[in-house]
Amino acid sequence: MNRSTRNVLTTALAAAAALALGGCATQHLGSDFGQAVRQSIAQQVANPDAKYVGAIAPGSNGARVGAAQDRYVKGKVIAPSNQVAATSIAAAPSAPSGLIQ
């Protein structure tokens, strides 16, 4: 075995030993380690037992949805009322910067 091969082999063995010993080190993590990830996951999960209060949304009435689909297929869609949009904008407490009121 020549000298360069022996140097490469010695370096490889030293690196392997260092990696093996590094795996034995214990980490002392805080009790709240990973809490941010768990909280983010919990915020993204929908409530499986959700309770909805108030009036039913117009899209959830089967007869209205069917009629709307028929109008769409026939090309006779009812245009939204401008008065509703104006009322919605006027009822907003404040608009974020950049929006036209």
N, C-alpha and C. Protein backbone atom coordinates (compact mmCIF):
# COMPACT_ATOMS: atom_id res chain seq x y z
N MET A 1 0.86 -1.16 0.00
CA MET A 1 0.00 0.00 0.00
C MET A 1 0.91 1.23 0.00
N ASN A 2 0.66 2.15 -0.93
CA ASN A 2 1.50 3.35 -1.00
C ASN A 2 1.03 4.39 0.00
N ARG A 3 1.80 5.44 0.13
CA ARG A 3 1.56 6.45 1.16
C ARG A 3 0.26 7.23 0.93
N SER A 4 -0.07 7.60 -0.32
CA SER A 4 -1.28 8.38 -0.60
C SER A 4 -2.54 7.56 -0.32
N THR A 5 -2.51 6.27 -0.62
CA THR A 5 -3.65 5.41 -0.33
C THR A 5 -3.85 5.29 1.17
N ARG A 6 -2.75 5.16 1.91
CA ARG A 6 -2.82 5.06 3.36
C ARG A 6 -3.38 6.35 3.96
N ASN A 7 -2.99 7.51 3.43
CA ASN A 7 -3.50 8.80 3.93
C ASN A 7 -5.01 8.93 3.68
N VAL A 8 -5.44 8.53 2.51
CA VAL A 8 -6.87 8.58 2.18
C VAL A 8 -7.65 7.64 3.09
N LEU A 9 -7.13 6.44 3.31
CA LEU A 9 -7.79 5.46 4.18
C LEU A 9 -7.84 5.96 5.62
N THR A 10 -6.77 6.54 6.09
CA THR A 10 -6.73 7.06 7.46
C THR A 10 -7.71 8.22 7.62
N THR A 11 -7.77 9.10 6.64
CA THR A 11 -8.70 10.23 6.69
C THR A 11 -10.15 9.74 6.67
N ALA A 12 -10.44 8.75 5.85
CA ALA A 12 -11.79 8.21 5.77
C ALA A 12 -12.19 7.54 7.08
N LEU A 13 -11.28 6.80 7.70
CA LEU A 13 -11.58 6.16 8.98
C LEU A 13 -11.79 7.20 10.07
N ALA A 14 -11.00 8.25 10.08
CA ALA A 14 -11.15 9.31 11.08
C ALA A 14 -12.50 10.02 10.92
N ALA A 15 -12.88 10.27 9.67
CA ALA A 15 -14.18 10.92 9.41
C ALA A 15 -15.33 10.02 9.83
N ALA A 16 -15.22 8.72 9.55
CA ALA A 16 -16.28 7.78 9.95
C ALA A 16 -16.38 7.71 11.46
N ALA A 17 -15.26 7.70 12.16
CA ALA A 17 -15.28 7.66 13.62
C ALA A 17 -15.90 8.92 14.19
N ALA A 18 -15.57 10.08 13.60
CA ALA A 18 -16.14 11.33 14.08
C ALA A 18 -17.65 11.37 13.88
N LEU A 19 -18.12 10.88 12.75
CA LEU A 19 -19.56 10.83 12.50
C LEU A 19 -20.25 9.87 13.45
N ALA A 20 -19.64 8.73 13.71
CA ALA A 20 -20.23 7.75 14.61
C ALA A 20 -20.33 8.30 16.02
N LEU A 21 -19.29 8.98 16.48
CA LEU A 21 -19.33 9.55 17.83
C LEU A 21 -20.27 10.73 17.92
N GLY A 22 -20.43 11.47 16.83
CA GLY A 22 -21.36 12.59 16.82
C GLY A 22 -22.80 12.14 16.98
N GLY A 23 -23.12 10.96 16.52
CA GLY A 23 -24.47 10.43 16.67
C GLY A 23 -24.80 10.05 18.09
N CYS A 24 -23.80 9.87 18.93
CA CYS A 24 -24.02 9.49 20.32
C CYS A 24 -24.33 10.69 21.21
N ALA A 25 -24.09 11.88 20.72
CA ALA A 25 -24.31 13.07 21.54
C ALA A 25 -25.80 13.24 21.79
N THR A 26 -26.14 13.60 23.02
CA THR A 26 -27.55 13.83 23.35
C THR A 26 -27.84 15.31 23.24
N GLN A 27 -29.03 15.61 22.80
CA GLN A 27 -29.45 17.00 22.67
C GLN A 27 -30.42 17.30 23.81
N HIS A 28 -30.22 18.40 24.45
CA HIS A 28 -31.11 18.82 25.52
C HIS A 28 -32.00 19.93 24.97
N LEU A 29 -33.20 19.54 24.54
CA LEU A 29 -34.12 20.49 23.95
C LEU A 29 -35.10 20.97 25.01
N GLY A 30 -35.60 22.15 24.82
CA GLY A 30 -36.56 22.71 25.75
C GLY A 30 -37.87 21.94 25.72
N SER A 31 -38.68 22.11 26.75
CA SER A 31 -39.96 21.40 26.83
C SER A 31 -40.94 21.88 25.76
N ASP A 32 -40.70 23.09 25.23
CA ASP A 32 -41.60 23.62 24.21
C ASP A 32 -41.07 23.42 22.79
N PHE A 33 -40.08 22.54 22.62
CA PHE A 33 -39.52 22.29 21.30
C PHE A 33 -40.60 21.72 20.38
N GLY A 34 -40.79 22.32 19.23
CA GLY A 34 -41.79 21.87 18.25
C GLY A 34 -43.17 22.43 18.47
N GLN A 35 -43.34 23.25 19.49
CA GLN A 35 -44.67 23.79 19.81
C GLN A 35 -45.21 24.66 18.68
N ALA A 36 -44.34 25.43 18.03
CA ALA A 36 -44.78 26.30 16.93
C ALA A 36 -45.33 25.47 15.77
N VAL A 37 -44.68 24.36 15.47
CA VAL A 37 -45.15 23.50 14.38
C VAL A 37 -46.49 22.87 14.75
N ARG A 38 -46.59 22.36 15.97
CA ARG A 38 -47.86 21.76 16.40
C ARG A 38 -48.99 22.77 16.39
N GLN A 39 -48.71 24.01 16.80
CA GLN A 39 -49.73 25.05 16.80
C GLN A 39 -50.15 25.40 15.37
N SER A 40 -49.19 25.48 14.45
CA SER A 40 -49.52 25.78 13.05
C SER A 40 -50.37 24.68 12.44
N ILE A 41 -50.05 23.44 12.74
CA ILE A 41 -50.85 22.33 12.22
C ILE A 41 -52.26 22.38 12.78
N ALA A 42 -52.38 22.65 14.07
CA ALA A 42 -53.71 22.72 14.69
C ALA A 42 -54.55 23.84 14.09
N GLN A 43 -53.93 24.95 13.71
CA GLN A 43 -54.68 26.06 13.13
C GLN A 43 -55.16 25.76 11.72
N GLN A 44 -54.52 24.81 11.04
CA GLN A 44 -54.90 24.50 9.66
C GLN A 44 -55.94 23.38 9.57
N VAL A 45 -56.24 22.74 10.67
CA VAL A 45 -57.20 21.65 10.67
C VAL A 45 -58.59 22.22 10.88
N ALA A 46 -59.51 21.87 10.01
CA ALA A 46 -60.88 22.34 10.13
C ALA A 46 -61.56 21.68 11.32
N ASN A 47 -62.48 22.39 11.93
CA ASN A 47 -63.22 21.87 13.07
C ASN A 47 -64.19 20.80 12.56
N PRO A 48 -63.99 19.53 12.95
CA PRO A 48 -64.87 18.47 12.44
C PRO A 48 -66.28 18.55 13.04
N ASP A 49 -66.45 19.30 14.11
CA ASP A 49 -67.76 19.42 14.76
C ASP A 49 -68.22 20.88 14.72
N ALA A 50 -68.06 21.51 13.57
CA ALA A 50 -68.38 22.92 13.44
C ALA A 50 -69.89 23.15 13.57
N LYS A 51 -70.25 24.21 14.24
CA LYS A 51 -71.66 24.60 14.38
C LYS A 51 -71.82 25.95 13.71
N TYR A 52 -72.78 26.05 12.81
CA TYR A 52 -73.00 27.29 12.08
C TYR A 52 -74.28 27.94 12.59
N VAL A 53 -74.17 29.22 12.91
CA VAL A 53 -75.29 29.95 13.46
C VAL A 53 -75.72 31.00 12.44
N GLY A 54 -77.01 31.25 12.34
CA GLY A 54 -77.48 32.31 11.46
C GLY A 54 -78.20 31.76 10.25
N ALA A 55 -78.43 32.67 9.30
CA ALA A 55 -79.19 32.32 8.09
C ALA A 55 -78.36 31.42 7.18
N ILE A 56 -79.03 30.53 6.50
CA ILE A 56 -78.37 29.63 5.56
C ILE A 56 -77.92 30.43 4.34
N ALA A 57 -76.73 30.17 3.88
CA ALA A 57 -76.20 30.87 2.71
C ALA A 57 -77.02 30.52 1.48
N PRO A 58 -77.18 31.46 0.53
CA PRO A 58 -78.00 31.20 -0.65
C PRO A 58 -77.53 29.98 -1.46
N GLY A 59 -76.25 29.69 -1.48
CA GLY A 59 -75.75 28.58 -2.27
C GLY A 59 -76.09 27.22 -1.69
N SER A 60 -76.58 27.18 -0.46
CA SER A 60 -76.86 25.89 0.15
C SER A 60 -78.31 25.45 -0.04
N ASN A 61 -79.12 26.22 -0.75
CA ASN A 61 -80.49 25.85 -1.04
C ASN A 61 -80.51 25.12 -2.38
N GLY A 62 -80.84 23.85 -2.37
CA GLY A 62 -80.78 23.01 -3.57
C GLY A 62 -81.59 23.54 -4.73
N ALA A 63 -82.81 24.03 -4.46
CA ALA A 63 -83.67 24.53 -5.53
C ALA A 63 -83.05 25.77 -6.18
N ARG A 64 -82.49 26.66 -5.36
CA ARG A 64 -81.87 27.88 -5.91
C ARG A 64 -80.62 27.53 -6.72
N VAL A 65 -79.83 26.57 -6.23
CA VAL A 65 -78.63 26.17 -6.96
C VAL A 65 -79.01 25.56 -8.31
N GLY A 66 -80.02 24.72 -8.32
CA GLY A 66 -80.48 24.11 -9.57
C GLY A 66 -80.97 25.15 -10.56
N ALA A 67 -81.73 26.12 -10.07
CA ALA A 67 -82.22 27.18 -10.95
C ALA A 67 -81.06 28.01 -11.50
N ALA A 68 -80.07 28.30 -10.65
CA ALA A 68 -78.91 29.07 -11.09
C ALA A 68 -78.13 28.31 -12.16
N GLN A 69 -77.99 27.00 -12.00
CA GLN A 69 -77.29 26.21 -13.00
C GLN A 69 -78.04 26.18 -14.32
N ASP A 70 -79.36 26.09 -14.25
CA ASP A 70 -80.16 26.12 -15.47
C ASP A 70 -80.00 27.46 -16.19
N ARG A 71 -80.04 28.58 -15.44
CA ARG A 71 -79.85 29.89 -16.06
C ARG A 71 -78.46 30.00 -16.68
N TYR A 72 -77.45 29.45 -16.03
CA TYR A 72 -76.09 29.50 -16.55
C TYR A 72 -75.98 28.74 -17.88
N VAL A 73 -76.58 27.55 -17.92
CA VAL A 73 -76.54 26.73 -19.14
C VAL A 73 -77.27 27.44 -20.28
N LYS A 74 -78.38 28.12 -19.99
CA LYS A 74 -79.17 28.80 -21.01
C LYS A 74 -78.62 30.18 -21.34
N GLY A 75 -77.59 30.64 -20.61
CA GLY A 75 -77.00 31.95 -20.89
C GLY A 75 -77.84 33.10 -20.37
N LYS A 76 -78.66 32.87 -19.37
CA LYS A 76 -79.53 33.91 -18.82
C LYS A 76 -79.19 34.16 -17.34
N VAL A 77 -77.93 34.39 -17.06
CA VAL A 77 -77.48 34.61 -15.69
C VAL A 77 -77.98 35.95 -15.20
N ILE A 78 -78.45 35.99 -13.96
CA ILE A 78 -78.93 37.23 -13.36
C ILE A 78 -77.73 38.03 -12.88
N ALA A 79 -77.61 39.27 -13.35
CA ALA A 79 -76.48 40.12 -12.94
C ALA A 79 -76.66 40.55 -11.49
N PRO A 80 -75.56 40.67 -10.76
CA PRO A 80 -75.66 41.13 -9.37
C PRO A 80 -76.18 42.56 -9.31
N SER A 81 -76.87 42.88 -8.24
CA SER A 81 -77.42 44.21 -8.06
C SER A 81 -76.33 45.17 -7.59
N ASN A 82 -76.27 46.36 -8.19
CA ASN A 82 -75.28 47.36 -7.77
C ASN A 82 -75.57 47.88 -6.38
N GLN A 83 -76.83 47.92 -6.00
CA GLN A 83 -77.22 48.44 -4.70
C GLN A 83 -76.63 47.58 -3.58
N VAL A 84 -76.59 46.27 -3.75
CA VAL A 84 -76.04 45.38 -2.73
C VAL A 84 -74.55 45.66 -2.55
N ALA A 85 -73.83 45.81 -3.66
CA ALA A 85 -72.39 46.07 -3.57
C ALA A 85 -72.13 47.41 -2.91
N ALA A 86 -72.92 48.44 -3.24
CA ALA A 86 -72.71 49.75 -2.65
C ALA A 86 -73.00 49.71 -1.15
N THR A 87 -74.04 48.97 -0.77
CA THR A 87 -74.37 48.84 0.65
C THR A 87 -73.25 48.13 1.39
N SER A 88 -72.68 47.10 0.78
CA SER A 88 -71.61 46.37 1.42
C SER A 88 -70.39 47.24 1.63
N ILE A 89 -70.07 48.07 0.65
CA ILE A 89 -68.90 48.94 0.78
C ILE A 89 -69.16 50.01 1.83
N ALA A 90 -70.37 50.57 1.81
CA ALA A 90 -70.69 51.63 2.77
C ALA A 90 -70.72 51.09 4.19
N ALA A 91 -71.08 49.82 4.35
CA ALA A 91 -71.18 49.24 5.69
C ALA A 91 -69.82 48.85 6.26
N ALA A 92 -68.80 48.83 5.41
CA ALA A 92 -67.47 48.44 5.89
C ALA A 92 -66.94 49.52 6.84
N PRO A 93 -66.39 49.14 8.00
CA PRO A 93 -65.93 50.13 8.96
C PRO A 93 -64.77 50.97 8.43
N SER A 94 -63.83 50.34 7.75
CA SER A 94 -62.75 51.08 7.14
C SER A 94 -62.10 50.19 6.10
N ALA A 95 -61.63 50.80 5.04
CA ALA A 95 -60.99 50.03 3.97
C ALA A 95 -59.49 50.11 4.14
N PRO A 96 -58.80 48.99 3.90
CA PRO A 96 -57.33 49.03 3.96
C PRO A 96 -56.78 49.97 2.89
N SER A 97 -55.60 50.48 3.14
CA SER A 97 -55.01 51.42 2.19
C SER A 97 -54.85 50.77 0.83
N GLY A 98 -55.09 51.52 -0.21
CA GLY A 98 -54.95 51.02 -1.57
C GLY A 98 -56.27 50.62 -2.20
N LEU A 99 -57.35 50.51 -1.40
CA LEU A 99 -58.66 50.17 -1.96
C LEU A 99 -59.45 51.43 -2.23
N ILE A 100 -60.18 51.44 -3.31
CA ILE A 100 -61.01 52.58 -3.68
C ILE A 100 -62.36 52.40 -3.01
N GLN A 101 -62.83 53.45 -2.36
CA GLN A 101 -64.13 53.37 -1.70
C GLN A 101 -65.20 54.00 -2.56
